Amino acid sequence: MVIADHTECDLAIAVKLYWLADADYWYESDEEVDEYNKSHYEFSRLITERLLSGYYKTGKLSHSEGFDRVQIYKFKKQGYPEILFTPVIASET
């Protein structure tokens, strides 16, 4: 949470945090949130909402999860927003 809230956290870091947290689990999950998974759920929702709203800007870092064509096809078919699986290319400034 500290990293996601830091002023220097850019889009590349946020996307990495999304996948490190397995936030995609909660993206379409109907699982009930209980005391055992509440903090994971809350972080996953926060990072997802911020990514989708444009909260994080492209910075000095690039990042790619290295998804293959089949994985990308599945994400698109499931309706995942491209921001969640598209490589982030660092800005030049």
Protein backbone atom coordinates (compact mmCIF):
# COMPACT_ATOMS: atom_id res chain seq x y z
CA MET A 1 0.00 0.00 0.00
CA VAL A 2 2.86 2.35 0.80
CA ILE A 3 4.28 1.92 -2.70
CA ALA A 4 0.90 2.37 -4.41
CA ASP A 5 0.37 5.60 -2.44
CA HIS A 6 3.86 7.02 -3.00
CA THR A 7 4.10 10.14 -5.18
CA GLU A 8 6.79 8.49 -7.34
CA CYS A 9 4.66 5.42 -8.09
CA ASP A 10 4.15 5.47 -11.83
CA LEU A 11 2.14 3.34 -14.24
CA ALA A 12 4.85 0.69 -14.71
CA ILE A 13 5.15 0.11 -10.97
CA ALA A 14 1.38 0.10 -10.48
CA VAL A 15 0.85 -2.51 -13.21
CA LYS A 16 3.56 -4.67 -11.62
CA LEU A 17 1.86 -4.30 -8.22
CA TYR A 18 -1.44 -5.34 -9.82
CA TRP A 19 0.03 -8.62 -11.08
CA LEU A 20 2.17 -9.26 -7.98
CA ALA A 21 -0.97 -8.96 -5.85
CA ASP A 22 -2.92 -11.28 -8.16
CA ALA A 23 -5.50 -8.50 -8.31
CA ASP A 24 -6.95 -10.08 -11.45
CA TYR A 25 -8.43 -12.70 -9.12
CA TRP A 26 -10.82 -10.05 -7.78
CA TYR A 27 -11.47 -8.40 -11.16
CA GLU A 28 -14.36 -10.72 -11.99
CA SER A 29 -14.65 -12.70 -8.77
CA ASP A 30 -17.95 -13.21 -7.03
CA GLU A 31 -16.23 -14.57 -3.94
CA GLU A 32 -17.49 -13.16 -0.69
CA VAL A 33 -15.05 -10.91 1.15
CA ASP A 34 -14.41 -12.01 4.71
CA GLU A 35 -11.99 -11.05 7.45
CA TYR A 36 -9.28 -13.32 6.00
CA ASN A 37 -9.18 -11.85 2.52
CA LYS A 38 -10.38 -8.30 3.20
CA SER A 39 -7.00 -6.55 3.00
CA HIS A 40 -6.10 -8.39 -0.22
CA TYR A 41 -9.46 -7.49 -1.71
CA GLU A 42 -9.18 -3.83 -0.68
CA PHE A 43 -5.68 -3.46 -2.14
CA SER A 44 -6.71 -5.24 -5.33
CA ARG A 45 -9.74 -2.99 -5.76
CA LEU A 46 -7.70 0.14 -5.03
CA ILE A 47 -4.93 -0.63 -7.51
CA THR A 48 -7.45 -1.72 -10.16
CA GLU A 49 -9.60 1.39 -9.76
CA ARG A 50 -6.56 3.65 -9.91
CA LEU A 51 -5.21 1.94 -13.02
CA LEU A 52 -8.55 2.16 -14.79
CA SER A 53 -9.10 5.82 -13.84
CA GLY A 54 -5.71 7.01 -15.11
CA TYR A 55 -4.46 7.85 -11.62
CA TYR A 56 -0.94 6.63 -12.42
CA LYS A 57 1.02 8.35 -15.17
CA THR A 58 3.73 6.95 -17.42
CA GLY A 59 7.10 7.73 -15.88
CA LYS A 60 10.74 6.83 -16.28
CA LEU A 61 10.18 3.07 -16.04
CA SER A 62 8.95 0.53 -18.57
CA HIS A 63 7.29 -2.74 -17.70
CA SER A 64 5.92 -5.82 -19.41
CA GLU A 65 4.56 -8.99 -17.83
CA GLY A 66 5.57 -10.83 -21.00
CA PHE A 67 2.16 -12.24 -21.83
CA ASP A 68 2.02 -14.34 -24.97
CA ARG A 69 -0.55 -13.98 -27.75
CA VAL A 70 -2.84 -16.64 -26.28
CA GLN A 71 -2.92 -14.94 -22.88
CA ILE A 72 -3.62 -11.56 -24.49
CA TYR A 73 -6.39 -13.10 -26.59
CA LYS A 74 -7.98 -14.54 -23.43
CA PHE A 75 -7.76 -11.20 -21.59
CA LYS A 76 -9.43 -9.43 -24.50
CA LYS A 77 -12.11 -12.10 -24.79
CA GLN A 78 -12.85 -11.78 -21.04
CA GLY A 79 -13.14 -8.01 -21.42
CA TYR A 80 -10.07 -7.02 -19.43
CA PRO A 81 -9.07 -3.39 -20.02
CA GLU A 82 -5.88 -3.19 -22.08
CA ILE A 83 -4.14 -1.08 -19.43
CA LEU A 84 -3.88 -4.24 -17.32
CA PHE A 85 -1.94 -6.33 -19.85
CA THR A 86 -0.33 -3.93 -22.33
CA PRO A 87 3.40 -3.21 -21.88
CA VAL A 88 4.18 0.20 -20.39
CA ILE A 89 6.82 2.16 -22.29
CA ALA A 90 8.70 4.85 -20.33
CA SER A 91 8.16 8.46 -21.26
CA GLU A 92 11.15 10.30 -22.67
CA THR A 93 10.89 13.25 -20.31
